[in-house]
Amino acid sequence: MVTIRLARGGAKKRPFYHIVVTDSRSRRDSRYIERLGFFNPVAKGQEVRLDIKTDRVDHWLSQGAQVSERVAGLLKQNQKSAA
């Protein structure tokens, strides 16, 4: 099954997450099919906190991809800020 989930990056105590499409059997930070955006939970000032390619997310959802709980919340948050 294909899943849209977070892959962790960044330094120790400075997390940075990529929103990726991956096979659900692969490890959290390993191979992915496509990178759809990023989430920076420690963004300050003018730094961008969340960036998602919504057209590609819609494409993968139409192909049957499942969304993790955290990414679903981020998508909802992104829709509120866009409106």
N, C-alpha and C. Protein backbone atom coordinates (compact mmCIF):
# COMPACT_ATOMS: atom_id res chain seq x y z
N MET A 1 0.84 -1.17 0.00
CA MET A 1 0.00 0.00 0.00
C MET A 1 0.89 1.24 0.00
N VAL A 2 0.45 2.27 -0.68
CA VAL A 2 1.18 3.54 -0.75
C VAL A 2 0.65 4.47 0.34
N THR A 3 1.57 5.14 1.03
CA THR A 3 1.22 5.99 2.15
C THR A 3 1.86 7.37 1.99
N ILE A 4 1.13 8.40 2.40
CA ILE A 4 1.67 9.75 2.48
C ILE A 4 1.97 10.00 3.95
N ARG A 5 3.26 10.20 4.26
CA ARG A 5 3.66 10.34 5.66
C ARG A 5 4.88 11.25 5.77
N LEU A 6 5.34 11.45 7.01
CA LEU A 6 6.49 12.31 7.28
C LEU A 6 7.78 11.48 7.32
N ALA A 7 8.86 12.06 6.78
CA ALA A 7 10.20 11.48 6.90
C ALA A 7 11.05 12.51 7.63
N ARG A 8 11.70 12.11 8.70
CA ARG A 8 12.43 13.06 9.54
C ARG A 8 13.80 13.38 8.99
N GLY A 9 14.16 14.63 9.14
CA GLY A 9 15.50 15.10 8.79
C GLY A 9 15.92 16.10 9.84
N GLY A 10 16.95 16.87 9.57
CA GLY A 10 17.39 17.88 10.51
C GLY A 10 18.36 17.32 11.53
N ALA A 11 18.79 18.18 12.42
CA ALA A 11 19.77 17.82 13.43
C ALA A 11 19.09 17.36 14.72
N LYS A 12 19.90 16.94 15.66
CA LYS A 12 19.37 16.53 16.96
C LYS A 12 18.70 17.73 17.63
N LYS A 13 17.49 17.54 18.11
CA LYS A 13 16.68 18.56 18.77
C LYS A 13 16.27 19.71 17.84
N ARG A 14 16.45 19.55 16.52
CA ARG A 14 16.02 20.52 15.52
C ARG A 14 15.33 19.76 14.39
N PRO A 15 14.14 19.22 14.64
CA PRO A 15 13.51 18.37 13.62
C PRO A 15 13.07 19.14 12.39
N PHE A 16 13.08 18.45 11.27
CA PHE A 16 12.59 18.97 9.99
C PHE A 16 12.02 17.76 9.27
N TYR A 17 10.82 17.88 8.76
CA TYR A 17 10.15 16.73 8.16
C TYR A 17 9.83 17.00 6.70
N HIS A 18 10.06 15.97 5.86
CA HIS A 18 9.62 16.01 4.47
C HIS A 18 8.32 15.22 4.39
N ILE A 19 7.37 15.71 3.64
CA ILE A 19 6.13 14.98 3.39
C ILE A 19 6.36 14.18 2.13
N VAL A 20 6.31 12.85 2.26
CA VAL A 20 6.68 11.97 1.15
C VAL A 20 5.60 10.93 0.88
N VAL A 21 5.62 10.43 -0.35
CA VAL A 21 4.80 9.29 -0.75
C VAL A 21 5.73 8.09 -0.76
N THR A 22 5.36 7.04 -0.04
CA THR A 22 6.23 5.88 0.09
C THR A 22 5.42 4.60 0.22
N ASP A 23 6.08 3.50 0.01
CA ASP A 23 5.49 2.19 0.25
C ASP A 23 5.37 2.03 1.77
N SER A 24 4.26 1.55 2.24
CA SER A 24 4.05 1.46 3.68
C SER A 24 5.01 0.49 4.36
N ARG A 25 5.64 -0.41 3.59
CA ARG A 25 6.57 -1.38 4.18
C ARG A 25 7.96 -0.82 4.36
N SER A 26 8.27 0.31 3.73
CA SER A 26 9.62 0.87 3.84
C SER A 26 9.78 1.62 5.16
N ARG A 27 11.02 1.80 5.57
CA ARG A 27 11.31 2.46 6.83
C ARG A 27 10.98 3.95 6.75
N ARG A 28 10.91 4.59 7.90
CA ARG A 28 10.47 5.99 7.99
C ARG A 28 11.31 6.93 7.13
N ASP A 29 12.62 6.82 7.19
CA ASP A 29 13.49 7.78 6.51
C ASP A 29 14.17 7.20 5.27
N SER A 30 13.73 6.03 4.81
CA SER A 30 14.40 5.40 3.68
C SER A 30 13.76 5.83 2.36
N ARG A 31 13.75 4.94 1.39
CA ARG A 31 13.27 5.24 0.04
C ARG A 31 11.87 5.86 0.04
N TYR A 32 11.65 6.73 -0.93
CA TYR A 32 10.32 7.28 -1.13
C TYR A 32 10.07 7.40 -2.63
N ILE A 33 8.81 7.52 -3.00
CA ILE A 33 8.43 7.62 -4.40
C ILE A 33 8.50 9.07 -4.86
N GLU A 34 7.93 9.98 -4.05
CA GLU A 34 7.90 11.39 -4.42
C GLU A 34 7.86 12.25 -3.16
N ARG A 35 8.52 13.40 -3.21
CA ARG A 35 8.51 14.36 -2.11
C ARG A 35 7.44 15.40 -2.42
N LEU A 36 6.50 15.60 -1.49
CA LEU A 36 5.37 16.49 -1.72
C LEU A 36 5.47 17.82 -1.00
N GLY A 37 6.42 17.97 -0.11
CA GLY A 37 6.54 19.23 0.61
C GLY A 37 7.35 19.03 1.87
N PHE A 38 7.23 20.00 2.78
CA PHE A 38 7.96 19.90 4.04
C PHE A 38 7.17 20.54 5.17
N PHE A 39 7.58 20.19 6.41
CA PHE A 39 7.00 20.72 7.63
C PHE A 39 8.15 21.04 8.57
N ASN A 40 8.23 22.29 9.01
CA ASN A 40 9.28 22.73 9.92
C ASN A 40 8.63 23.17 11.24
N PRO A 41 8.56 22.29 12.24
CA PRO A 41 7.86 22.62 13.48
C PRO A 41 8.55 23.68 14.34
N VAL A 42 9.83 23.96 14.09
CA VAL A 42 10.56 24.93 14.90
C VAL A 42 10.84 26.22 14.11
N ALA A 43 10.00 26.52 13.12
CA ALA A 43 10.19 27.73 12.31
C ALA A 43 9.97 28.97 13.17
N LYS A 44 10.84 29.98 12.97
CA LYS A 44 10.74 31.23 13.71
C LYS A 44 10.77 32.39 12.73
N GLY A 45 10.08 33.45 13.08
CA GLY A 45 10.13 34.67 12.28
C GLY A 45 9.57 34.48 10.88
N GLN A 46 10.38 34.78 9.88
CA GLN A 46 9.95 34.73 8.48
C GLN A 46 10.10 33.35 7.84
N GLU A 47 10.59 32.36 8.57
CA GLU A 47 10.78 31.02 8.03
C GLU A 47 9.42 30.40 7.70
N VAL A 48 9.39 29.63 6.62
CA VAL A 48 8.17 28.94 6.20
C VAL A 48 7.99 27.70 7.06
N ARG A 49 6.81 27.56 7.66
CA ARG A 49 6.53 26.43 8.55
C ARG A 49 6.02 25.21 7.80
N LEU A 50 5.20 25.44 6.76
CA LEU A 50 4.56 24.33 6.06
C LEU A 50 4.44 24.66 4.58
N ASP A 51 4.83 23.73 3.73
CA ASP A 51 4.70 23.89 2.28
C ASP A 51 4.31 22.54 1.70
N ILE A 52 3.13 22.49 1.05
CA ILE A 52 2.63 21.24 0.50
C ILE A 52 2.16 21.47 -0.93
N LYS A 53 2.51 20.55 -1.83
CA LYS A 53 2.02 20.58 -3.21
C LYS A 53 0.66 19.88 -3.22
N THR A 54 -0.41 20.66 -3.06
CA THR A 54 -1.74 20.07 -2.90
C THR A 54 -2.22 19.35 -4.16
N ASP A 55 -1.80 19.82 -5.34
CA ASP A 55 -2.23 19.14 -6.57
C ASP A 55 -1.66 17.72 -6.63
N ARG A 56 -0.42 17.53 -6.18
CA ARG A 56 0.17 16.20 -6.17
C ARG A 56 -0.44 15.32 -5.07
N VAL A 57 -0.81 15.93 -3.95
CA VAL A 57 -1.48 15.17 -2.88
C VAL A 57 -2.81 14.65 -3.41
N ASP A 58 -3.57 15.50 -4.10
CA ASP A 58 -4.84 15.07 -4.67
C ASP A 58 -4.64 13.94 -5.68
N HIS A 59 -3.58 14.05 -6.48
CA HIS A 59 -3.28 12.99 -7.44
C HIS A 59 -3.06 11.65 -6.73
N TRP A 60 -2.24 11.64 -5.69
CA TRP A 60 -1.94 10.39 -5.00
C TRP A 60 -3.15 9.86 -4.25
N LEU A 61 -3.98 10.75 -3.72
CA LEU A 61 -5.21 10.29 -3.05
C LEU A 61 -6.15 9.64 -4.06
N SER A 62 -6.20 10.18 -5.28
CA SER A 62 -7.05 9.58 -6.31
C SER A 62 -6.52 8.22 -6.75
N GLN A 63 -5.21 7.99 -6.57
CA GLN A 63 -4.60 6.70 -6.91
C GLN A 63 -4.75 5.68 -5.78
N GLY A 64 -5.31 6.10 -4.63
CA GLY A 64 -5.58 5.17 -3.54
C GLY A 64 -4.59 5.23 -2.39
N ALA A 65 -3.77 6.26 -2.34
CA ALA A 65 -2.80 6.39 -1.25
C ALA A 65 -3.52 6.69 0.07
N GLN A 66 -2.96 6.18 1.16
CA GLN A 66 -3.50 6.43 2.49
C GLN A 66 -2.67 7.53 3.14
N VAL A 67 -3.31 8.37 3.96
CA VAL A 67 -2.63 9.49 4.62
C VAL A 67 -2.46 9.17 6.10
N SER A 68 -1.28 9.45 6.66
CA SER A 68 -1.07 9.24 8.09
C SER A 68 -1.86 10.30 8.86
N GLU A 69 -2.07 10.05 10.15
CA GLU A 69 -2.85 10.98 10.98
C GLU A 69 -2.23 12.36 11.03
N ARG A 70 -0.92 12.41 11.20
CA ARG A 70 -0.22 13.70 11.31
C ARG A 70 -0.30 14.49 10.01
N VAL A 71 -0.12 13.83 8.89
CA VAL A 71 -0.20 14.51 7.59
C VAL A 71 -1.63 14.97 7.32
N ALA A 72 -2.61 14.19 7.72
CA ALA A 72 -4.01 14.61 7.55
C ALA A 72 -4.27 15.90 8.32
N GLY A 73 -3.74 16.01 9.52
CA GLY A 73 -3.88 17.24 10.30
C GLY A 73 -3.18 18.41 9.64
N LEU A 74 -2.00 18.17 9.06
CA LEU A 74 -1.27 19.23 8.37
C LEU A 74 -2.01 19.69 7.12
N LEU A 75 -2.62 18.75 6.40
CA LEU A 75 -3.40 19.11 5.22
C LEU A 75 -4.60 19.97 5.60
N LYS A 76 -5.26 19.61 6.69
CA LYS A 76 -6.39 20.40 7.17
C LYS A 76 -5.94 21.79 7.58
N GLN A 77 -4.79 21.87 8.27
CA GLN A 77 -4.24 23.16 8.68
C GLN A 77 -3.86 24.00 7.47
N ASN A 78 -3.33 23.37 6.43
CA ASN A 78 -2.94 24.07 5.21
C ASN A 78 -4.16 24.64 4.49
N GLN A 79 -5.27 23.89 4.49
CA GLN A 79 -6.50 24.36 3.85
C GLN A 79 -7.07 25.56 4.59
N LYS A 80 -7.01 25.56 5.92
CA LYS A 80 -7.52 26.69 6.70
C LYS A 80 -6.71 27.94 6.43
N SER A 81 -5.39 27.81 6.36
CA SER A 81 -4.53 28.99 6.15
C SER A 81 -4.66 29.52 4.73
N ALA A 82 -5.00 28.64 3.76
CA ALA A 82 -5.15 29.08 2.37
C ALA A 82 -6.47 29.83 2.16
N ALA A 83 -7.46 29.52 2.97
CA ALA A 83 -8.79 30.14 2.80
C ALA A 83 -8.88 31.50 3.43
